[in-house]
Protein backbone atom coordinates (compact mmCIF):
# COMPACT_ATOMS: atom_id res chain seq x y z
CA MET A 1 -20.72 25.54 -9.65
CA ILE A 2 -18.56 27.04 -12.31
CA ASN A 3 -19.22 30.44 -13.60
CA ILE A 4 -17.62 29.94 -16.92
CA LYS A 5 -19.60 32.68 -18.21
CA LYS A 6 -18.06 35.57 -15.66
CA ILE A 7 -14.75 34.12 -16.67
CA LEU A 8 -14.99 34.50 -20.62
CA VAL A 9 -16.33 37.54 -20.12
CA SER A 10 -13.23 38.95 -17.93
CA SER A 11 -11.39 36.99 -20.50
CA ALA A 12 -12.48 38.66 -23.33
CA VAL A 13 -12.23 42.31 -21.81
CA ALA A 14 -8.90 41.54 -20.80
CA VAL A 15 -7.81 40.62 -24.49
CA SER A 16 -9.88 43.38 -25.72
CA SER A 17 -7.30 46.23 -23.39
CA PHE A 18 -4.29 44.31 -24.27
CA VAL A 19 -5.31 44.91 -28.03
CA PHE A 20 -5.89 48.63 -27.73
CA ALA A 21 -3.21 49.37 -25.91
CA GLN A 22 -0.86 48.62 -28.63
CA GLY A 23 -2.33 51.03 -30.76
CA THR A 24 -4.47 50.70 -33.80
CA PHE A 25 -2.95 48.78 -37.45
CA THR A 26 -3.91 46.91 -40.83
CA SER A 27 -2.92 43.49 -40.87
CA SER A 28 -1.83 44.60 -44.76
CA ASN A 29 0.40 46.54 -43.45
CA TYR A 30 3.23 43.81 -41.59
CA PRO A 31 4.53 40.76 -42.44
CA GLN A 32 2.67 37.72 -42.16
CA SER A 33 5.27 36.34 -39.28
CA PHE A 34 4.80 39.41 -37.55
CA GLU A 35 0.95 39.01 -37.52
CA SER A 36 1.46 35.49 -36.00
CA GLN A 37 4.10 36.44 -33.65
CA ASN A 38 1.97 39.27 -32.51
CA SER A 39 -1.36 36.82 -32.28
CA SER A 40 1.40 34.54 -30.16
CA ILE A 41 1.63 36.88 -27.89
CA SER A 42 -1.73 38.42 -27.55
CA LYS A 43 -2.60 34.64 -26.86
CA GLU A 44 -0.15 34.32 -24.01
CA SER A 45 -0.93 37.75 -22.32
CA SER A 46 -4.65 37.09 -21.94
CA GLU A 47 -3.87 33.79 -20.53
CA LYS A 48 -1.61 35.50 -18.32
CA LEU A 49 -4.47 37.71 -17.23
CA LEU A 50 -6.57 34.52 -16.31
CA SER A 51 -5.52 33.25 -12.96
CA ALA A 52 -4.87 29.47 -12.34
CA LYS A 53 -8.17 28.91 -10.66
CA GLU A 54 -9.78 29.95 -13.85
CA LEU A 55 -7.64 28.30 -16.19
CA VAL A 56 -8.60 25.38 -14.18
CA ASP A 57 -12.42 25.76 -14.35
CA ILE A 58 -12.23 26.32 -18.12
CA LYS A 59 -10.64 23.19 -18.44
CA LEU A 60 -13.76 21.73 -16.72
CA ASN A 61 -16.39 23.27 -18.58
CA SER A 62 -14.45 22.25 -21.80
CA MET A 63 -14.71 18.48 -20.16
CA MET A 64 -18.49 19.00 -20.42
CA ASN A 65 -18.57 18.64 -23.57
CA ASP A 66 -16.30 16.02 -24.46
CA PRO A 67 -17.15 13.07 -26.26
CA VAL A 68 -15.26 10.64 -24.08
CA LEU A 69 -17.44 12.59 -21.01
CA ARG A 70 -20.39 14.27 -22.29
CA ASN A 71 -22.45 11.53 -21.12
CA ALA A 72 -21.14 10.36 -18.58
CA ASN A 73 -21.11 10.03 -14.53
CA TRP A 74 -18.13 12.08 -13.31
CA GLY A 75 -17.24 14.13 -10.53
CA PHE A 76 -14.08 16.42 -9.84
CA VAL A 77 -12.62 18.04 -6.41
CA VAL A 78 -9.44 19.91 -5.97
CA TYR A 79 -8.87 20.60 -2.08
CA ASP A 80 -6.83 22.74 -0.47
CA PRO A 81 -6.35 20.68 3.08
CA LYS A 82 -4.24 24.64 4.66
CA THR A 83 -7.50 26.92 4.05
CA LYS A 84 -9.72 23.73 4.07
CA LYS A 85 -11.75 24.87 0.80
CA VAL A 86 -12.97 23.23 -2.54
CA ILE A 87 -10.88 25.56 -5.11
CA SER A 88 -12.40 24.11 -8.03
CA SER A 89 -14.99 21.42 -8.09
CA TYR A 90 -17.56 19.27 -10.54
CA ASN A 91 -20.56 16.73 -9.31
CA GLU A 92 -18.79 16.87 -5.68
CA ASN A 93 -21.67 15.81 -4.36
CA ALA A 94 -22.40 12.74 -6.65
CA SER A 95 -22.29 9.15 -5.72
CA LEU A 96 -19.79 7.33 -8.00
CA ILE A 97 -18.13 3.87 -8.09
CA PRO A 98 -14.64 4.54 -7.08
CA ALA A 99 -13.02 1.52 -7.76
CA SER A 100 -9.80 0.56 -6.57
CA THR A 101 -9.75 3.97 -5.05
CA THR A 102 -11.59 2.02 -2.25
CA LYS A 103 -8.41 0.59 -1.00
CA LEU A 104 -7.57 4.37 0.45
CA LEU A 105 -10.05 3.44 3.04
CA THR A 106 -9.10 0.20 3.92
CA THR A 107 -5.63 0.66 3.93
CA GLU A 108 -5.94 3.74 5.90
CA THR A 109 -8.13 1.93 8.29
CA ALA A 110 -5.94 -0.68 8.89
CA MET A 111 -3.05 1.77 9.38
CA ASN A 112 -4.83 3.77 11.88
CA LEU A 113 -6.19 0.63 13.92
CA LEU A 114 -3.12 -1.73 13.93
CA GLY A 115 -0.10 0.16 13.16
CA GLU A 116 2.32 0.39 10.84
CA ASN A 117 4.67 -2.60 12.45
CA PHE A 118 2.00 -4.77 12.72
CA ARG A 119 2.86 -8.69 10.95
CA TRP A 120 0.84 -11.87 10.62
CA ILE A 121 2.65 -14.81 12.38
CA THR A 122 2.36 -18.25 10.93
CA GLN A 123 3.56 -20.53 13.97
CA LEU A 124 5.06 -23.66 14.11
CA GLU A 125 4.58 -25.81 17.07
CA TYR A 126 4.69 -29.27 18.89
CA SER A 127 2.19 -32.11 21.03
CA GLY A 128 3.54 -34.51 23.16
CA ALA A 129 6.93 -35.28 23.85
CA ILE A 130 10.18 -35.69 22.41
CA GLU A 131 12.49 -38.78 23.14
CA ASP A 132 15.76 -39.44 21.83
CA GLY A 133 14.83 -37.21 19.49
CA VAL A 134 11.48 -38.86 18.17
CA LEU A 135 8.72 -36.60 18.56
CA ASN A 136 5.44 -38.49 19.78
CA GLY A 137 2.89 -35.87 19.07
CA ASN A 138 1.79 -33.95 16.20
CA LEU A 139 3.15 -30.66 14.22
CA TYR A 140 1.11 -28.13 14.25
CA ILE A 141 0.97 -25.12 11.45
CA VAL A 142 -0.99 -21.91 12.89
CA GLY A 143 -1.87 -19.54 10.68
CA SER A 144 -3.11 -16.20 11.07
CA GLY A 145 -4.42 -15.11 7.54
CA ASP A 146 -0.90 -13.66 6.57
CA PRO A 147 -1.73 -12.58 2.74
CA SER A 148 1.41 -12.40 1.45
CA LEU A 149 2.16 -15.90 2.58
CA GLY A 150 4.92 -17.66 0.16
CA THR A 151 3.99 -14.86 -2.31
CA ASN A 152 7.30 -12.70 -2.50
CA LYS A 153 5.15 -9.80 -1.76
CA ALA A 154 6.42 -6.77 -0.21
CA GLY A 155 9.16 -9.01 0.70
CA ALA A 156 7.77 -11.88 1.62
CA ASN A 157 9.45 -15.17 1.54
CA SER A 158 8.75 -17.81 -0.48
CA TYR A 159 6.93 -21.18 0.44
CA ARG A 160 10.90 -22.89 0.06
CA THR A 161 12.31 -20.62 2.56
CA ILE A 162 9.75 -20.74 5.03
CA ILE A 163 9.92 -24.34 4.77
CA SER A 164 13.90 -24.32 5.48
CA ASP A 165 13.37 -22.25 8.17
CA PHE A 166 10.70 -25.00 9.57
CA ILE A 167 12.78 -27.69 9.34
CA ALA A 168 16.03 -26.24 10.56
CA ALA A 169 14.36 -25.16 13.44
CA THR A 170 12.70 -28.57 13.91
CA LYS A 171 15.96 -30.01 13.82
CA ASP A 172 17.19 -27.58 16.29
CA LYS A 173 14.80 -28.97 18.57
CA GLY A 174 16.74 -32.39 18.71
CA ILE A 175 13.80 -33.83 16.79
CA THR A 176 14.83 -36.48 14.32
CA LYS A 177 11.94 -38.05 13.95
CA ILE A 178 8.03 -37.80 14.01
CA ASN A 179 5.62 -40.27 14.96
CA GLY A 180 2.47 -38.41 14.43
CA ASP A 181 0.42 -35.85 11.78
CA ILE A 182 0.83 -32.64 10.53
CA ILE A 183 -2.04 -29.91 11.60
CA ILE A 184 -2.89 -27.44 9.83
CA GLN A 185 -4.78 -25.49 12.43
CA THR A 186 -6.36 -22.64 10.24
CA ALA A 187 -9.25 -22.27 12.23
CA VAL A 188 -9.38 -21.00 16.02
CA PHE A 189 -12.52 -19.74 17.62
CA LYS A 190 -12.19 -18.41 20.84
CA VAL A 191 -13.16 -21.35 23.05
CA ASN A 192 -9.73 -22.94 21.52
CA LYS A 193 -7.84 -20.14 22.53
CA THR A 194 -4.43 -20.43 24.29
CA GLN A 195 -1.37 -18.22 25.32
CA LEU A 196 0.87 -20.65 23.24
CA LEU A 197 -1.15 -19.40 20.21
CA PRO A 198 -0.40 -16.47 17.81
CA GLU A 199 -2.18 -13.04 18.41
CA SER A 200 -3.98 -12.90 15.97
CA ILE A 201 -6.22 -15.79 14.06
CA VAL A 202 -7.86 -15.86 10.95
CA TRP A 203 -10.84 -18.47 10.66
CA LEU A 204 -11.95 -20.35 7.96
CA GLU A 205 -15.32 -19.23 6.01
CA ASN A 206 -18.03 -21.44 5.14
CA GLY A 207 -15.38 -24.12 5.06
CA ASN A 208 -12.84 -21.77 2.44
CA TYR A 209 -9.66 -20.77 3.09
CA TYR A 210 -10.55 -17.06 1.59
CA LEU A 211 -6.84 -15.78 0.97
CA PRO A 212 -6.94 -15.84 -3.06
CA VAL A 213 -3.11 -16.98 -3.26
CA GLY A 214 -0.87 -19.81 -4.78
CA THR A 215 1.54 -21.50 -7.28
CA THR A 216 2.05 -24.69 -9.10
CA HIS A 217 5.71 -23.81 -9.83
CA GLU A 218 6.72 -27.05 -7.04
CA ILE A 219 3.98 -29.02 -8.02
CA ASN A 220 4.75 -32.07 -10.23
CA PRO A 221 2.33 -31.37 -13.27
CA GLU A 222 1.70 -35.11 -13.67
CA ASN A 223 -0.63 -35.06 -10.56
CA GLU A 224 -2.71 -32.53 -12.21
CA LYS A 225 -5.25 -32.30 -14.62
CA LEU A 226 -6.14 -29.15 -16.59
CA ILE A 227 -9.67 -28.63 -17.08
CA ALA A 228 -10.05 -25.60 -19.33
CA LYS A 229 -13.92 -23.68 -19.30
CA LYS A 230 -15.56 -23.44 -22.16
CA SER A 231 -14.82 -20.20 -24.02
CA ASN A 232 -17.47 -17.52 -22.92
CA PRO A 233 -17.81 -14.54 -26.08
CA PHE A 234 -18.69 -11.82 -23.65
CA SER A 235 -15.79 -12.60 -21.39
CA GLU A 236 -13.05 -10.66 -21.84
CA ASN A 237 -10.95 -12.75 -19.72
CA LYS A 238 -9.93 -16.48 -19.91
CA ASN A 239 -9.81 -18.78 -17.13
CA PHE A 240 -8.67 -21.92 -16.71
CA TYR A 241 -9.48 -24.88 -14.00
CA TYR A 242 -7.68 -27.64 -12.52
CA ILE A 243 -7.59 -30.63 -9.90
CA SER A 244 -5.26 -29.79 -6.96
CA PRO A 245 -3.62 -33.39 -5.92
CA TYR A 246 -3.62 -32.25 -2.58
CA ILE A 247 -7.36 -31.51 -1.59
CA GLY A 248 -9.01 -33.12 -4.94
CA GLN A 249 -11.12 -30.42 -5.31
CA MET A 250 -10.94 -28.44 -8.83
CA VAL A 251 -9.00 -24.71 -8.02
CA TYR A 252 -8.98 -21.84 -10.23
CA ALA A 253 -6.60 -20.72 -12.26
CA ASP A 254 -5.34 -17.25 -13.27
CA LYS A 255 -3.57 -17.60 -16.21
CA PHE A 256 -1.43 -21.13 -17.54
CA GLU A 257 1.47 -20.61 -19.39
CA GLY A 258 2.65 -23.99 -19.86
CA ALA A 259 4.61 -24.50 -17.37
CA TYR A 260 2.78 -23.90 -14.34
CA LEU A 261 -0.38 -22.47 -12.92
CA THR A 262 -0.80 -19.25 -10.65
CA THR A 263 -4.04 -20.17 -8.89
CA LYS A 264 -6.31 -18.87 -6.33
CA MET A 265 -6.37 -22.13 -3.91
CA PRO A 266 -8.98 -23.08 -1.82
CA ASP A 267 -6.82 -24.05 1.02
CA ALA A 268 -3.13 -21.96 1.13
CA PRO A 269 -2.05 -23.56 4.20
CA ALA A 270 -2.48 -26.89 2.80
CA TYR A 271 -0.02 -25.61 0.09
CA LEU A 272 2.22 -24.75 2.96
CA ALA A 273 2.22 -28.26 4.99
CA ASN A 274 2.13 -30.99 2.72
CA ASN A 275 5.31 -29.13 1.13
CA LEU A 276 6.73 -28.82 4.44
CA ARG A 277 6.21 -33.03 4.60
CA ALA A 278 7.42 -33.76 1.41
CA THR A 279 10.72 -31.68 1.90
CA MET A 280 11.54 -32.95 5.57
CA LEU A 281 11.00 -36.80 3.96
CA LYS A 282 13.08 -36.22 1.66
CA SER A 283 16.15 -34.30 3.96
CA GLY A 284 15.78 -37.45 6.27
CA LEU A 285 13.34 -36.30 8.90
CA PRO A 286 10.64 -39.12 8.53
CA VAL A 287 7.43 -38.38 9.57
CA SER A 288 4.62 -41.06 9.98
CA GLY A 289 1.38 -39.40 9.55
CA LYS A 290 -0.06 -37.45 7.20
CA VAL A 291 -1.13 -33.52 6.62
CA VAL A 292 -4.67 -32.80 8.62
CA THR A 293 -6.70 -29.73 8.54
CA ARG A 294 -8.63 -29.38 11.57
CA VAL A 295 -11.63 -26.60 11.72
CA THR A 296 -12.47 -26.59 15.25
CA ASP A 297 -10.62 -28.23 18.19
CA PRO A 298 -12.71 -28.41 21.00
CA ASN A 299 -9.95 -30.32 22.82
CA PRO A 300 -6.95 -29.03 21.70
CA GLU A 301 -3.56 -30.76 23.16
CA ARG A 302 -0.93 -29.07 25.23
CA ARG A 303 1.52 -27.21 22.43
CA GLU A 304 4.97 -26.04 22.40
CA VAL A 305 6.13 -23.32 19.76
CA ILE A 306 9.21 -24.42 17.83
CA THR A 307 9.44 -21.20 15.74
CA ASN A 308 7.28 -18.87 13.80
CA TYR A 309 7.40 -16.87 10.67
CA GLN A 310 6.74 -13.13 10.56
CA SER A 311 5.20 -11.16 7.38
CA PRO A 312 6.46 -8.03 6.10
CA THR A 313 4.92 -4.82 8.38
CA LEU A 314 1.61 -3.55 7.68
CA ALA A 315 3.44 -0.84 5.93
CA GLU A 316 5.32 -3.00 3.55
CA ILE A 317 2.08 -4.67 2.94
CA ILE A 318 0.06 -1.66 2.35
CA MET A 319 2.72 -0.16 0.27
CA TYR A 320 2.35 -3.20 -1.92
CA THR A 321 -1.35 -3.12 -2.29
CA ASN A 322 -1.95 0.35 -2.83
CA GLN A 323 1.52 0.11 -5.47
CA HIS A 324 0.07 -2.78 -7.24
CA SER A 325 -3.93 -2.25 -6.39
CA ASP A 326 -3.38 -5.57 -5.19
CA ASN A 327 -6.66 -7.07 -4.58
CA ALA A 328 -6.42 -10.11 -2.26
CA LEU A 329 -4.04 -8.11 -0.20
CA ALA A 330 -6.53 -5.19 0.28
CA GLU A 331 -9.46 -7.79 1.05
CA ALA A 332 -7.23 -9.75 3.48
CA THR A 333 -6.55 -6.65 5.48
CA LEU A 334 -9.98 -5.61 5.90
CA ARG A 335 -11.06 -9.09 6.99
CA MET A 336 -7.97 -8.65 9.81
CA VAL A 337 -9.46 -5.32 11.26
CA GLY A 338 -12.71 -7.34 11.76
CA PHE A 339 -10.82 -10.22 13.51
CA GLN A 340 -9.11 -7.45 15.67
CA LYS A 341 -11.85 -5.37 16.60
CA LEU A 342 -14.87 -7.64 16.49
CA GLY A 343 -13.29 -11.13 16.55
CA ASP A 344 -13.97 -12.63 13.36
CA GLN A 345 -12.99 -12.47 9.91
CA THR A 346 -15.95 -12.23 8.17
CA LEU A 347 -16.83 -9.81 5.46
CA GLU A 348 -19.19 -7.87 7.52
CA SER A 349 -17.27 -7.41 10.39
CA GLY A 350 -14.88 -5.99 8.36
CA ARG A 351 -17.03 -3.91 6.76
CA LYS A 352 -18.37 -2.78 10.35
CA VAL A 353 -14.81 -1.77 11.58
CA VAL A 354 -14.01 0.64 8.48
CA ASN A 355 -17.70 2.09 8.48
CA ASN A 356 -17.34 3.00 12.16
CA HIS A 357 -13.67 4.02 12.08
CA LEU A 358 -14.68 6.50 8.89
CA LYS A 359 -17.27 7.62 11.23
CA SER A 360 -14.53 8.64 14.18
CA VAL A 361 -12.70 10.44 11.70
CA GLY A 362 -15.47 12.83 10.53
CA PHE A 363 -16.07 10.81 7.36
CA GLU A 364 -19.31 12.53 5.10
CA THR A 365 -20.92 9.11 5.20
CA GLU A 366 -23.83 10.54 3.05
CA GLY A 367 -23.22 8.90 -0.42
CA LEU A 368 -20.90 6.12 0.72
CA ASN A 369 -21.50 2.55 0.55
CA TYR A 370 -18.62 0.38 1.14
CA TYR A 371 -19.32 -2.83 0.37
CA ASP A 372 -15.76 -4.70 0.14
CA GLY A 373 -11.93 -3.68 1.22
CA SER A 374 -10.49 -4.12 -2.67
CA GLY A 375 -13.25 -2.01 -5.00
CA LEU A 376 -13.73 -4.98 -7.04
CA SER A 377 -17.21 -4.32 -6.35
CA ARG A 378 -19.89 -2.06 -8.06
CA SER A 379 -22.03 -1.54 -5.26
CA ASN A 380 -18.99 0.38 -3.52
CA VAL A 381 -20.17 4.32 -3.84
CA VAL A 382 -18.45 7.31 -2.61
CA THR A 383 -18.32 11.31 -3.45
CA PRO A 384 -15.30 13.32 -4.80
CA ILE A 385 -15.87 15.77 -1.70
CA SER A 386 -15.95 12.93 0.81
CA GLN A 387 -12.54 11.92 -0.45
CA VAL A 388 -10.42 14.12 -0.61
CA LYS A 389 -11.73 15.72 3.40
CA PHE A 390 -10.86 12.09 4.11
CA LEU A 391 -7.13 12.50 2.50
CA ALA A 392 -6.96 15.81 4.24
CA ASN A 393 -7.55 15.04 7.47
CA LEU A 394 -5.33 11.89 7.40
CA MET A 395 -2.08 14.64 6.71
CA ASN A 396 -2.50 15.29 10.58
CA GLU A 397 -1.90 11.40 11.13
CA LYS A 398 1.79 10.30 12.77
CA TYR A 399 1.62 7.93 9.94
CA TYR A 400 0.71 10.09 6.91
CA LYS A 401 4.13 10.09 5.46
CA THR A 402 4.43 6.17 5.07
CA PHE A 403 0.83 6.38 3.78
CA GLN A 404 1.63 9.17 1.11
CA GLU A 405 4.86 6.89 0.28
CA SER A 406 2.73 3.83 -0.68
CA LEU A 407 0.89 5.91 -3.42
CA PRO A 408 1.63 5.38 -7.13
CA ILE A 409 3.89 8.08 -8.30
CA GLY A 410 2.72 9.76 -11.37
CA GLY A 411 5.33 9.04 -14.37
CA GLN A 412 7.25 6.87 -12.12
CA THR A 413 5.89 4.19 -10.14
CA GLY A 414 2.95 1.65 -9.47
CA THR A 415 0.11 2.04 -11.43
CA LEU A 416 1.06 5.47 -12.63
CA LYS A 417 4.25 4.59 -13.84
CA ARG A 418 2.41 5.21 -17.84
CA MET A 419 0.65 8.22 -16.87
CA PHE A 420 1.67 11.76 -16.65
CA TYR A 421 4.69 10.94 -18.04
CA ASP A 422 5.91 14.62 -18.99
CA THR A 423 2.82 17.09 -17.40
CA GLY A 424 2.96 16.16 -13.92
CA ASN A 425 5.71 13.56 -13.42
CA GLY A 426 6.91 12.99 -10.13
CA GLN A 427 4.39 15.67 -8.95
CA ILE A 428 0.91 13.36 -8.70
CA PHE A 429 0.81 10.69 -5.76
CA ALA A 430 -2.85 9.01 -6.01
CA LYS A 431 -4.17 6.09 -5.74
CA THR A 432 -5.83 4.47 -9.57
CA GLY A 433 -9.11 2.83 -10.12
CA THR A 434 -10.19 0.75 -13.18
CA LEU A 435 -13.21 -1.31 -13.89
CA ASN A 436 -14.63 -1.70 -16.88
CA LYS A 437 -16.34 1.94 -18.01
CA VAL A 438 -14.53 3.39 -14.61
CA LYS A 439 -11.44 4.91 -14.24
CA THR A 440 -10.57 7.03 -11.24
CA LEU A 441 -7.98 8.71 -9.25
CA ALA A 442 -7.73 10.16 -6.02
CA GLY A 443 -4.54 11.33 -4.03
CA TYR A 444 -2.32 14.32 -3.42
CA MET A 445 -0.42 16.67 -5.84
CA LYS A 446 2.63 19.07 -5.90
CA THR A 447 2.16 21.73 -7.17
CA ASN A 448 4.42 24.05 -9.56
CA SER A 449 3.83 26.47 -6.56
CA GLY A 450 5.12 23.97 -3.61
CA LYS A 451 1.66 23.66 -2.27
CA THR A 452 0.25 20.13 -1.72
CA LEU A 453 -3.41 20.10 -2.96
CA VAL A 454 -5.85 16.89 -2.31
CA PHE A 455 -7.90 16.05 -5.37
CA SER A 456 -10.22 13.23 -6.54
CA LEU A 457 -11.54 12.50 -10.03
CA LEU A 458 -14.19 9.76 -10.30
CA ILE A 459 -15.15 8.99 -14.18
CA ASN A 460 -18.35 6.03 -14.21
CA ASN A 461 -19.57 5.42 -17.91
CA TYR A 462 -17.47 7.24 -19.88
CA ALA A 463 -17.04 6.65 -23.94
CA GLY A 464 -14.39 5.28 -25.67
CA SER A 465 -11.04 3.47 -24.59
CA VAL A 466 -9.43 3.17 -21.42
CA ASP A 467 -6.39 5.02 -23.06
CA GLN A 468 -8.60 7.88 -23.82
CA VAL A 469 -10.35 8.61 -20.68
CA LYS A 470 -6.82 8.23 -19.26
CA SER A 471 -5.95 11.40 -21.34
CA LYS A 472 -8.73 13.34 -20.47
CA MET A 473 -7.91 12.87 -16.84
CA GLU A 474 -4.14 13.86 -17.28
CA GLN A 475 -5.85 16.83 -19.19
CA ILE A 476 -8.01 17.92 -16.60
CA LEU A 477 -5.35 17.80 -13.67
CA GLU A 478 -2.45 19.56 -15.38
CA PRO A 479 -4.27 23.00 -15.16
CA THR A 480 -4.64 22.40 -11.26
CA LEU A 481 -0.69 21.90 -10.88
CA ASN A 482 -0.68 25.79 -11.33
CA LEU A 483 -2.60 26.64 -8.41
């Protein structure tokens, strides 16, 4: 616990010593400007006599009675990874909601278990035989749960580019006509696996493709019906729904700007497959059948690979995830580590893999509840001390540089672009977190003396606005830059 009384007493002694050393004088004997100058010098000298750590502790104590934080649940730790010692802290062992700093655990686990160069694969295959340019068989799109598919995120290709490449590869195979269906194979269980399938397959869960991604940009609006949800006076967000012409079900829209909808589609591969078929027909490559989604396939046909699309690397996906705090990418990444280690892509498997990994690297799990991959759930809790020790140990991993570079930079990039614009600009490398009345920050800092320190600042149930609490966070971290 911070000993503020000891710090203030030593400060008072230091100031008194300085004043008596100057000699005795009466304020009326000197001009006002001199008095102000002398007072300023005295204040600066007294501050110089305080250590950087004492100034940090004084700032922490002053924040305990700040109107924004007085009734909040919050904790703070600044930690030296070289000495492995806590420099300053407040409520370091409190279990607090971490919000999107949860993504630190998710993305590091993925990088550790899958490797920086891991990629998701979406494969185009065919069954049957090709005779005189006619494919008497089916085309297959075999997905692997690529969270960036068609989104342009992290440098991923658009649906248009993927479709163009798939059609070109199909023609290069000598296929000019398809007598069959386009089958979406998004759910391949162990009994269905063959060597021809992609290395990483993600299944459907409860009949619903988990990936929230998609846009109606290339869909004819005349075929859609917009359904506006009744306004909720207690809701901060306005939601929109529409009926997808492809699956005949209501889908959720994040926003509607009059031109097209950006949506969370229940079946992202169906969007790719239907557009592939439509584009093939327009380009003079007839397809006699329709698009079929196959959840299970107990008797799979023998298939040949035409081509495949590979996602950006995991390092690039994680860079985008942490810079933009992308919840969809984080949840998909969690499910992929679950699949790779336990053979399925359920949330439960992902959580189990992450928790096992954290234990294996010595994470202090007391006070931890890892509930989801993105930090959206308020069921997530973590302690500031466990966060900083985890980040400090990560510095010894071979992928540390890549991971550290994925974090937003104060005053410069990502979700920290509008924080630390003056003091701390380019010195704070951290993941942000935001929920209603929750604001968090955890990562690394380069001090003015060139040291790298690790910190965690988790604030729950604060008073005032988001901008006010962000300002308090900057004030807390400002003196730590002089450590």
